[in-house]
C-alpha atoms as a PDB file:
ATOM      1  CA  MET A   1     -16.363  18.928   0.049  1.00  0.00           C
ATOM      2  CA  ASP A   2     -16.867  16.808  -3.078  1.00  0.00           C
ATOM      3  CA  PHE A   3     -14.067  15.628  -5.327  1.00  0.00           C
ATOM      4  CA  LYS A   4     -14.655  18.301  -7.972  1.00  0.00           C
ATOM      5  CA  GLN A   5     -14.375  21.048  -5.338  1.00  0.00           C
ATOM      6  CA  GLN A   6     -11.194  19.439  -4.019  1.00  0.00           C
ATOM      7  CA  ILE A   7      -9.683  19.524  -7.483  1.00  0.00           C
ATOM      8  CA  GLN A   8     -10.851  23.109  -8.070  1.00  0.00           C
ATOM      9  CA  MET A   9      -9.219  24.222  -4.814  1.00  0.00           C
ATOM     10  CA  TYR A  10      -5.996  22.265  -5.371  1.00  0.00           C
ATOM     11  CA  ARG A  11      -2.970  24.485  -5.963  1.00  0.00           C
ATOM     12  CA  PRO A  12      -0.860  22.870  -8.691  1.00  0.00           C
ATOM     13  CA  TYR A  13       2.767  22.186  -7.913  1.00  0.00           C
ATOM     14  CA  ASN A  14       4.044  22.590 -11.469  1.00  0.00           C
ATOM     15  CA  GLU A  15       2.959  23.125 -15.076  1.00  0.00           C
ATOM     16  CA  GLN A  16       2.071  19.450 -15.524  1.00  0.00           C
ATOM     17  CA  GLU A  17      -0.337  19.609 -12.612  1.00  0.00           C
ATOM     18  CA  GLU A  18      -1.820  22.931 -13.779  1.00  0.00           C
ATOM     19  CA  ARG A  19      -2.571  21.587 -17.251  1.00  0.00           C
ATOM     20  CA  ASP A  20      -3.833  18.256 -15.953  1.00  0.00           C
ATOM     21  CA  LYS A  21      -6.085  20.011 -13.442  1.00  0.00           C
ATOM     22  CA  GLN A  22      -7.659  22.141 -16.178  1.00  0.00           C
ATOM     23  CA  THR A  23      -8.209  19.077 -18.383  1.00  0.00           C
ATOM     24  CA  MET A  24      -9.844  17.179 -15.523  1.00  0.00           C
ATOM     25  CA  LEU A  25     -12.185  20.057 -14.733  1.00  0.00           C
ATOM     26  CA  LYS A  26     -13.194  20.448 -18.399  1.00  0.00           C
ATOM     27  CA  TRP A  27     -13.825  16.698 -18.639  1.00  0.00           C
ATOM     28  CA  MET A  28     -16.069  16.747 -15.556  1.00  0.00           C
ATOM     29  CA  ASP A  29     -18.080  19.630 -17.024  1.00  0.00           C
ATOM     30  CA  ARG A  30     -18.607  17.897 -20.364  1.00  0.00           C
ATOM     31  CA  PHE A  31     -19.040  14.234 -19.562  1.00  0.00           C
ATOM     32  CA  GLU A  32     -21.067  12.118 -17.194  1.00  0.00           C
ATOM     33  CA  ASP A  33     -19.945   9.059 -15.357  1.00  0.00           C
ATOM     34  CA  VAL A  34     -16.324  10.112 -14.832  1.00  0.00           C
ATOM     35  CA  LEU A  35     -16.112   8.024 -11.666  1.00  0.00           C
ATOM     36  CA  THR A  36     -16.643   4.605 -13.252  1.00  0.00           C
ATOM     37  CA  ARG A  37     -15.024   2.493 -15.939  1.00  0.00           C
ATOM     38  CA  LYS A  38     -18.224   2.854 -17.987  1.00  0.00           C
ATOM     39  CA  ASN A  39     -16.519   5.967 -19.269  1.00  0.00           C
ATOM     40  CA  GLU A  40     -14.036   4.025 -21.388  1.00  0.00           C
ATOM     41  CA  VAL A  41     -12.021   7.039 -22.533  1.00  0.00           C
ATOM     42  CA  ALA A  42     -11.122   8.617 -19.170  1.00  0.00           C
ATOM     43  CA  HIS A  43     -12.164   8.080 -15.555  1.00  0.00           C
ATOM     44  CA  PHE A  44     -10.947   8.896 -12.060  1.00  0.00           C
ATOM     45  CA  THR A  45      -8.517   6.840 -10.061  1.00  0.00           C
ATOM     46  CA  ALA A  46      -6.807   7.464  -6.741  1.00  0.00           C
ATOM     47  CA  SER A  47      -3.269   6.586  -5.733  1.00  0.00           C
ATOM     48  CA  ALA A  48      -1.272   6.858  -2.561  1.00  0.00           C
ATOM     49  CA  TRP A  49       2.300   7.814  -1.845  1.00  0.00           C
ATOM     50  CA  VAL A  50       2.635   5.654   1.252  1.00  0.00           C
ATOM     51  CA  VAL A  51       5.589   6.516   3.473  1.00  0.00           C
ATOM     52  CA  ASN A  52       6.952   5.225   6.754  1.00  0.00           C
ATOM     53  CA  ARG A  53       7.002   7.356   9.898  1.00  0.00           C
ATOM     54  CA  GLU A  54      10.539   8.586   9.207  1.00  0.00           C
ATOM     55  CA  ARG A  55       9.624   9.508   5.596  1.00  0.00           C
ATOM     56  CA  THR A  56      12.627   7.512   4.355  1.00  0.00           C
ATOM     57  CA  LYS A  57      10.749   4.701   2.568  1.00  0.00           C
ATOM     58  CA  VAL A  58       7.807   4.281   0.217  1.00  0.00           C
ATOM     59  CA  LEU A  59       5.533   1.212   0.257  1.00  0.00           C
ATOM     60  CA  MET A  60       5.286  -0.156  -3.288  1.00  0.00           C
ATOM     61  CA  ILE A  61       3.821  -3.129  -5.117  1.00  0.00           C
ATOM     62  CA  TYR A  62       5.129  -5.147  -8.059  1.00  0.00           C
ATOM     63  CA  HIS A  63       2.337  -4.487 -10.560  1.00  0.00           C
ATOM     64  CA  ASN A  64       1.499  -7.554 -12.670  1.00  0.00           C
ATOM     65  CA  ILE A  65       0.258  -5.664 -15.750  1.00  0.00           C
ATOM     66  CA  TYR A  66       3.113  -3.142 -15.866  1.00  0.00           C
ATOM     67  CA  GLN A  67       5.743  -5.631 -14.685  1.00  0.00           C
ATOM     68  CA  SER A  68       7.253  -2.931 -12.517  1.00  0.00           C
ATOM     69  CA  TRP A  69       7.423  -1.660  -8.975  1.00  0.00           C
ATOM     70  CA  ALA A  70       4.696   0.947  -8.618  1.00  0.00           C
ATOM     71  CA  TRP A  71       2.664   2.948  -6.134  1.00  0.00           C
ATOM     72  CA  THR A  72      -0.658   1.675  -4.867  1.00  0.00           C
ATOM     73  CA  GLY A  73      -3.917   2.859  -6.331  1.00  0.00           C
ATOM     74  CA  GLY A  74      -6.975   2.010  -8.322  1.00  0.00           C
ATOM     75  CA  HIS A  75     -10.317   2.926  -9.825  1.00  0.00           C
ATOM     76  CA  SER A  76     -12.815   4.951  -7.867  1.00  0.00           C
ATOM     77  CA  ASP A  77     -15.566   2.604  -9.109  1.00  0.00           C
ATOM     78  CA  GLY A  78     -18.230   5.200  -8.373  1.00  0.00           C
ATOM     79  CA  GLU A  79     -16.779   6.349  -5.022  1.00  0.00           C
ATOM     80  CA  SER A  80     -16.607  10.137  -4.977  1.00  0.00           C
ATOM     81  CA  ASP A  81     -14.411  10.238  -1.860  1.00  0.00           C
ATOM     82  CA  LEU A  82     -11.106   9.669  -3.618  1.00  0.00           C
ATOM     83  CA  LEU A  83      -9.150   9.705  -0.358  1.00  0.00           C
ATOM     84  CA  GLN A  84     -11.180   6.692   0.772  1.00  0.00           C
ATOM     85  CA  THR A  85     -10.497   5.046  -2.599  1.00  0.00           C
ATOM     86  CA  ALA A  86      -6.758   5.532  -2.064  1.00  0.00           C
ATOM     87  CA  ILE A  87      -6.924   4.098   1.471  1.00  0.00           C
ATOM     88  CA  ARG A  88      -9.003   1.123   0.289  1.00  0.00           C
ATOM     89  CA  GLU A  89      -6.505   0.387  -2.467  1.00  0.00           C
ATOM     90  CA  VAL A  90      -3.527   0.557  -0.084  1.00  0.00           C
ATOM     91  CA  LYS A  91      -5.183  -1.968   2.224  1.00  0.00           C
ATOM     92  CA  GLU A  92      -6.268  -4.303  -0.586  1.00  0.00           C
ATOM     93  CA  GLU A  93      -2.958  -4.238  -2.451  1.00  0.00           C
ATOM     94  CA  THR A  94      -0.551  -4.460   0.497  1.00  0.00           C
ATOM     95  CA  GLY A  95      -2.470  -6.215   3.256  1.00  0.00           C
ATOM     96  CA  VAL A  96      -1.897  -3.448   5.806  1.00  0.00           C
ATOM     97  CA  GLU A  97      -4.729  -2.667   8.209  1.00  0.00           C
ATOM     98  CA  ASN A  98      -3.771   0.694   9.662  1.00  0.00           C
ATOM     99  CA  VAL A  99      -3.352   3.650   7.348  1.00  0.00           C
ATOM    100  CA  LYS A 100      -2.773   7.174   8.609  1.00  0.00           C
ATOM    101  CA  THR A 101      -3.762  10.140   6.456  1.00  0.00           C
ATOM    102  CA  LEU A 102      -1.013  12.756   6.638  1.00  0.00           C
ATOM    103  CA  CYS A 103      -3.183  15.352   4.943  1.00  0.00           C
ATOM    104  CA  ASP A 104      -6.811  15.219   3.792  1.00  0.00           C
ATOM    105  CA  ASP A 105      -5.900  17.442   0.856  1.00  0.00           C
ATOM    106  CA  ILE A 106      -4.755  16.174  -2.523  1.00  0.00           C
ATOM    107  CA  PHE A 107      -0.994  15.576  -2.658  1.00  0.00           C
ATOM    108  CA  SER A 108      -0.723  15.615  -6.458  1.00  0.00           C
ATOM    109  CA  LEU A 109      -2.666  15.342  -9.703  1.00  0.00           C
ATOM    110  CA  GLU A 110      -1.705  13.616 -12.899  1.00  0.00           C
ATOM    111  CA  ILE A 111      -3.312  12.277 -16.049  1.00  0.00           C
ATOM    112  CA  LEU A 112      -1.902   8.829 -16.730  1.00  0.00           C
ATOM    113  CA  CYS A 113      -1.994   7.012 -20.069  1.00  0.00           C
ATOM    114  CA  VAL A 114      -2.965   3.354 -19.754  1.00  0.00           C
ATOM    115  CA  ASN A 115      -2.040   1.129 -22.684  1.00  0.00           C
ATOM    116  CA  GLY A 116      -4.424  -1.565 -23.826  1.00  0.00           C
ATOM    117  CA  HIS A 117      -3.997  -4.768 -21.838  1.00  0.00           C
ATOM    118  CA  VAL A 118      -5.705  -7.980 -20.774  1.00  0.00           C
ATOM    119  CA  LYS A 119      -7.214  -8.104 -17.282  1.00  0.00           C
ATOM    120  CA  ASN A 120      -9.104 -11.123 -15.939  1.00  0.00           C
ATOM    121  CA  GLY A 121      -9.133 -12.582 -19.427  1.00  0.00           C
ATOM    122  CA  ASN A 122     -10.717  -9.521 -21.050  1.00  0.00           C
ATOM    123  CA  TYR A 123      -9.108  -6.913 -23.271  1.00  0.00           C
ATOM    124  CA  VAL A 124      -9.172  -3.379 -21.867  1.00  0.00           C
ATOM    125  CA  SER A 125      -8.684  -0.638 -24.486  1.00  0.00           C
ATOM    126  CA  SER A 126      -6.170   2.148 -24.006  1.00  0.00           C
ATOM    127  CA  HIS A 127      -7.589   4.998 -21.939  1.00  0.00           C
ATOM    128  CA  LEU A 128      -6.717   7.758 -19.447  1.00  0.00           C
ATOM    129  CA  HIS A 129      -6.710   7.761 -15.676  1.00  0.00           C
ATOM    130  CA  PHE A 130      -7.486  11.113 -14.098  1.00  0.00           C
ATOM    131  CA  ASN A 131      -5.441  10.354 -11.030  1.00  0.00           C
ATOM    132  CA  VAL A 132      -5.606  12.036  -7.636  1.00  0.00           C
ATOM    133  CA  THR A 133      -2.801  11.163  -5.228  1.00  0.00           C
ATOM    134  CA  TYR A 134      -2.831  11.335  -1.430  1.00  0.00           C
ATOM    135  CA  LEU A 135       0.020  11.220   1.100  1.00  0.00           C
ATOM    136  CA  LEU A 136      -0.433   8.391   3.600  1.00  0.00           C
ATOM    137  CA  GLU A 137       1.615   6.758   6.320  1.00  0.00           C
ATOM    138  CA  VAL A 138       1.872   3.113   7.353  1.00  0.00           C
ATOM    139  CA  ASP A 139       3.899   1.579  10.174  1.00  0.00           C
ATOM    140  CA  GLU A 140       6.805  -0.391   8.706  1.00  0.00           C
ATOM    141  CA  THR A 141       6.164  -3.266  11.103  1.00  0.00           C
ATOM    142  CA  GLU A 142       2.724  -4.038   9.639  1.00  0.00           C
ATOM    143  CA  LEU A 143       2.459  -7.406   7.941  1.00  0.00           C
ATOM    144  CA  LEU A 144       2.508  -7.160   4.155  1.00  0.00           C
ATOM    145  CA  HIS A 145       0.999  -9.467   1.545  1.00  0.00           C
ATOM    146  CA  SER A 146       0.392  -9.191  -2.164  1.00  0.00           C
ATOM    147  CA  LYS A 147      -2.919  -9.303  -3.997  1.00  0.00           C
ATOM    148  CA  PRO A 148      -2.162 -12.028  -6.584  1.00  0.00           C
ATOM    149  CA  ASP A 149      -4.699 -10.860  -9.165  1.00  0.00           C
ATOM    150  CA  GLU A 150      -2.996  -7.436  -9.252  1.00  0.00           C
ATOM    151  CA  ASN A 151       0.508  -7.658  -7.850  1.00  0.00           C
ATOM    152  CA  SER A 152       3.193 -10.220  -7.105  1.00  0.00           C
ATOM    153  CA  GLY A 153       5.143  -8.349  -4.461  1.00  0.00           C
ATOM    154  CA  VAL A 154       4.936  -5.708  -1.748  1.00  0.00           C
ATOM    155  CA  LYS A 155       7.904  -4.038  -0.100  1.00  0.00           C
ATOM    156  CA  TRP A 156       9.328  -0.907   1.405  1.00  0.00           C
ATOM    157  CA  ILE A 157      11.744   0.916  -0.894  1.00  0.00           C
ATOM    158  CA  LEU A 158      14.080   3.704   0.116  1.00  0.00           C
ATOM    159  CA  VAL A 159      12.801   7.043  -1.187  1.00  0.00           C
ATOM    160  CA  GLU A 160      16.007   7.610  -3.154  1.00  0.00           C
ATOM    161  CA  ASP A 161      15.723   4.159  -4.786  1.00  0.00           C
ATOM    162  CA  VAL A 162      12.134   4.432  -6.052  1.00  0.00           C
ATOM    163  CA  THR A 163      13.167   5.672  -9.483  1.00  0.00           C
ATOM    164  CA  LYS A 164      15.850   2.950  -9.670  1.00  0.00           C
ATOM    165  CA  VAL A 165      13.515  -0.014  -9.084  1.00  0.00           C
ATOM    166  CA  SER A 166      10.626   1.078 -11.279  1.00  0.00           C
ATOM    167  CA  ASN A 167      11.073   0.436 -14.995  1.00  0.00           C
ATOM    168  CA  GLU A 168       8.334   2.878 -16.037  1.00  0.00           C
ATOM    169  CA  LYS A 169      10.446   5.716 -17.355  1.00  0.00           C
ATOM    170  CA  TRP A 170       7.710   8.359 -17.567  1.00  0.00           C
ATOM    171  CA  MET A 171       6.396   7.525 -14.089  1.00  0.00           C
ATOM    172  CA  CYS A 172       9.887   7.821 -12.653  1.00  0.00           C
ATOM    173  CA  GLU A 173      10.742  11.069 -14.399  1.00  0.00           C
ATOM    174  CA  LYS A 174       7.413  12.878 -14.141  1.00  0.00           C
ATOM    175  CA  VAL A 175       5.515  11.405 -11.202  1.00  0.00           C
ATOM    176  CA  TYR A 176       7.661   9.552  -8.654  1.00  0.00           C
ATOM    177  CA  SER A 177      10.427  12.192  -8.798  1.00  0.00           C
ATOM    178  CA  LYS A 178       7.820  14.916  -8.276  1.00  0.00           C
ATOM    179  CA  LEU A 179       6.279  13.084  -5.327  1.00  0.00           C
ATOM    180  CA  ASN A 180       9.681  12.591  -3.722  1.00  0.00           C
ATOM    181  CA  GLN A 181      10.506  16.266  -4.229  1.00  0.00           C
ATOM    182  CA  LYS A 182       7.210  17.317  -2.636  1.00  0.00           C
ATOM    183  CA  LEU A 183       7.804  14.866   0.223  1.00  0.00           C
ATOM    184  CA  GLU A 184      11.228  16.368   0.862  1.00  0.00           C
ATOM    185  CA  GLU A 185       9.714  19.859   0.992  1.00  0.00           C
ATOM    186  CA  LEU A 186       6.994  18.689   3.401  1.00  0.00           C
ATOM    187  CA  LYS A 187       9.350  16.868   5.769  1.00  0.00           C
ATOM    188  CA  LYS A 188       9.913  20.129   7.566  1.00  0.00           C
ATOM    189  CA  GLU A 189       6.179  20.395   8.314  1.00  0.00           C
ATOM    190  CA  PHE A 190       5.648  16.863   9.624  1.00  0.00           C
END
């Protein structure tokens, strides 16, 4: 199933996801090249909510641009298998080698606003990330290391502390809280 079909079949968790899903689908119908940064207004990214086996901790990075603890994730860069994008980004950003997919389905959807910033010496204009999130698991004993061009730290954070360590207010209130709530509801299934 391709990424558009996955999004079409995804059952939104709340109003934010319902509206974001509809916007993503409209965008895909109207514009080409939604999987690469050549589309400078909005393009797809994939993130991961990476938990330990006990579902008590989340693996996070200290993001250099946002100067905050954040989830892992990145641009699809033309890859239409967004789950594979999320897994690739987890490995690149944290140094882990073994990533377990807890569910092949999308865990959440969100449209994220990215403010203009400098990356690798070049200015990147403000734009939108059409983000697809997956639920993944990593063994807490795996060796961690940062990716200096993107982050300056990697660590496990207690689920209940995620919104305390991140200084991105909107992400904490609208995304991380939602992901933790969904995780809590799913704990019974795993």
